[in-house]
C-alpha atoms as a PDB file:
ATOM      1  CA  MET A   1     -54.483  87.412  86.551  1.00  0.00           C
ATOM      2  CA  ALA A   2     -56.358  84.201  87.214  1.00  0.00           C
ATOM      3  CA  GLY A   3     -58.955  83.613  84.525  1.00  0.00           C
ATOM      4  CA  GLN A   4     -57.792  86.504  82.356  1.00  0.00           C
ATOM      5  CA  THR A   5     -55.850  85.932  79.155  1.00  0.00           C
ATOM      6  CA  GLN A   6     -52.449  87.567  79.149  1.00  0.00           C
ATOM      7  CA  ARG A   7     -50.768  88.664  75.955  1.00  0.00           C
ATOM      8  CA  LEU A   8     -46.992  88.833  75.676  1.00  0.00           C
ATOM      9  CA  VAL A   9     -46.001  91.056  72.760  1.00  0.00           C
ATOM     10  CA  MET A  10     -42.437  90.518  71.569  1.00  0.00           C
ATOM     11  CA  CYS A  11     -40.814  93.073  69.299  1.00  0.00           C
ATOM     12  CA  ARG A  12     -39.295  91.801  66.054  1.00  0.00           C
ATOM     13  CA  GLY A  13     -38.273  95.209  64.770  1.00  0.00           C
ATOM     14  CA  GLN A  14     -34.982  95.881  63.038  1.00  0.00           C
ATOM     15  CA  TYR A  15     -33.052  96.742  66.205  1.00  0.00           C
ATOM     16  CA  CYS A  16     -34.621  94.106  68.469  1.00  0.00           C
ATOM     17  CA  ASN A  17     -34.057  91.381  65.898  1.00  0.00           C
ATOM     18  CA  MET A  18     -30.498  92.336  64.970  1.00  0.00           C
ATOM     19  CA  ASP A  19     -28.574  89.076  64.462  1.00  0.00           C
ATOM     20  CA  ARG A  20     -31.978  87.318  64.841  1.00  0.00           C
ATOM     21  CA  ARG A  21     -31.820  87.776  68.600  1.00  0.00           C
ATOM     22  CA  ALA A  22     -35.594  88.333  68.947  1.00  0.00           C
ATOM     23  CA  ASP A  23     -36.293  85.299  66.753  1.00  0.00           C
ATOM     24  CA  LYS A  24     -34.077  83.200  69.029  1.00  0.00           C
ATOM     25  CA  LEU A  25     -35.913  84.429  72.134  1.00  0.00           C
ATOM     26  CA  ILE A  26     -39.288  83.707  70.538  1.00  0.00           C
ATOM     27  CA  ALA A  27     -38.153  80.199  69.570  1.00  0.00           C
ATOM     28  CA  ARG A  28     -37.072  79.626  73.187  1.00  0.00           C
ATOM     29  CA  LEU A  29     -40.331  81.040  74.527  1.00  0.00           C
ATOM     30  CA  GLU A  30     -42.800  79.098  72.353  1.00  0.00           C
ATOM     31  CA  PRO A  31     -42.315  75.640  73.947  1.00  0.00           C
ATOM     32  CA  LEU A  32     -42.345  77.178  77.439  1.00  0.00           C
ATOM     33  CA  LEU A  33     -45.716  78.762  76.761  1.00  0.00           C
ATOM     34  CA  GLU A  34     -47.035  75.525  75.261  1.00  0.00           C
ATOM     35  CA  ASP A  35     -46.152  73.791  78.536  1.00  0.00           C
ATOM     36  CA  ILE A  36     -47.815  76.516  80.617  1.00  0.00           C
ATOM     37  CA  ASN A  37     -50.940  76.718  78.446  1.00  0.00           C
ATOM     38  CA  GLY A  38     -51.370  72.975  78.091  1.00  0.00           C
ATOM     39  CA  GLU A  39     -54.688  72.048  76.500  1.00  0.00           C
ATOM     40  CA  THR A  40     -56.522  75.079  77.911  1.00  0.00           C
ATOM     41  CA  TYR A  41     -58.639  76.950  75.394  1.00  0.00           C
ATOM     42  CA  PRO A  42     -58.457  79.799  75.022  1.00  0.00           C
ATOM     43  CA  PRO A  43     -54.850  79.713  76.170  1.00  0.00           C
ATOM     44  CA  PRO A  44     -54.165  81.769  79.298  1.00  0.00           C
ATOM     45  CA  ILE A  45     -51.062  83.282  77.667  1.00  0.00           C
ATOM     46  CA  ARG A  46     -50.855  84.338  74.046  1.00  0.00           C
ATOM     47  CA  LEU A  47     -47.588  85.174  72.307  1.00  0.00           C
ATOM     48  CA  VAL A  48     -47.850  87.966  69.767  1.00  0.00           C
ATOM     49  CA  THR A  49     -45.112  89.630  67.721  1.00  0.00           C
ATOM     50  CA  ALA A  50     -44.945  93.281  66.725  1.00  0.00           C
ATOM     51  CA  ASN A  51     -42.949  94.984  64.000  1.00  0.00           C
ATOM     52  CA  CYS A  52     -41.833  97.666  66.447  1.00  0.00           C
ATOM     53  CA  LEU A  53     -42.655  98.695  70.015  1.00  0.00           C
ATOM     54  CA  SER A  54     -40.891 102.085  69.628  1.00  0.00           C
ATOM     55  CA  MET A  55     -38.284 101.398  72.328  1.00  0.00           C
ATOM     56  CA  CYS A  56     -35.475 100.480  69.971  1.00  0.00           C
ATOM     57  CA  GLY A  57     -32.516 101.598  72.066  1.00  0.00           C
ATOM     58  CA  ALA A  58     -33.519  99.290  74.915  1.00  0.00           C
ATOM     59  CA  GLY A  59     -34.205  96.107  72.915  1.00  0.00           C
ATOM     60  CA  PRO A  60     -34.997  93.340  72.596  1.00  0.00           C
ATOM     61  CA  ASN A  61     -38.290  94.396  74.157  1.00  0.00           C
ATOM     62  CA  ALA A  62     -41.599  92.896  75.210  1.00  0.00           C
ATOM     63  CA  ILE A  63     -44.817  94.138  76.793  1.00  0.00           C
ATOM     64  CA  LEU A  64     -47.125  92.016  78.936  1.00  0.00           C
ATOM     65  CA  TYR A  65     -50.811  92.875  78.709  1.00  0.00           C
ATOM     66  CA  PRO A  66     -53.222  93.606  80.291  1.00  0.00           C
ATOM     67  CA  THR A  67     -50.839  95.095  82.889  1.00  0.00           C
ATOM     68  CA  GLY A  68     -48.719  96.922  80.292  1.00  0.00           C
ATOM     69  CA  GLU A  69     -45.525  95.859  82.055  1.00  0.00           C
ATOM     70  CA  VAL A  70     -42.469  96.493  79.855  1.00  0.00           C
ATOM     71  CA  PHE A  71     -39.387  94.280  79.659  1.00  0.00           C
ATOM     72  CA  ASN A  72     -36.276  95.721  78.011  1.00  0.00           C
ATOM     73  CA  GLY A  73     -32.874  94.335  77.158  1.00  0.00           C
ATOM     74  CA  LEU A  74     -34.157  90.779  77.020  1.00  0.00           C
ATOM     75  CA  ASP A  75     -31.737  87.913  76.760  1.00  0.00           C
ATOM     76  CA  GLU A  76     -32.343  84.247  77.544  1.00  0.00           C
ATOM     77  CA  THR A  77     -31.735  84.702  81.281  1.00  0.00           C
ATOM     78  CA  LYS A  78     -34.161  87.628  81.546  1.00  0.00           C
ATOM     79  CA  LEU A  79     -36.694  85.794  79.395  1.00  0.00           C
ATOM     80  CA  LEU A  80     -36.617  82.735  81.658  1.00  0.00           C
ATOM     81  CA  GLN A  81     -36.984  85.021  84.686  1.00  0.00           C
ATOM     82  CA  LEU A  82     -39.993  86.723  83.071  1.00  0.00           C
ATOM     83  CA  VAL A  83     -41.607  83.317  82.454  1.00  0.00           C
ATOM     84  CA  ALA A  84     -40.933  82.110  85.992  1.00  0.00           C
ATOM     85  CA  GLU A  85     -42.078  85.288  87.746  1.00  0.00           C
ATOM     86  CA  LYS A  86     -44.879  86.609  85.549  1.00  0.00           C
ATOM     87  CA  LEU A  87     -46.277  83.772  83.474  1.00  0.00           C
ATOM     88  CA  GLN A  88     -45.983  80.492  85.366  1.00  0.00           C
ATOM     89  CA  SER A  89     -48.032  81.848  88.231  1.00  0.00           C
ATOM     90  CA  SER A  90     -50.925  82.680  85.888  1.00  0.00           C
END
């Protein structure tokens, strides 16, 4: 995806954010993306939140665009793996 902005959409719907678990993942993700993006403008990776991604039973969920790759059942370990494998190589 060199040169193309990626958008990571994190769900903050009722199920995904039960016990603020999505909020905690987003808070963990924000500084990681700041490090990856650096001073580049526009940033190569944008973090966006959605009210619902309609995959509630599998949450917390995220979708990476433009590929449309879906990540379900996110926890901190899976989130760090997503960053390492999909975002740091951008």
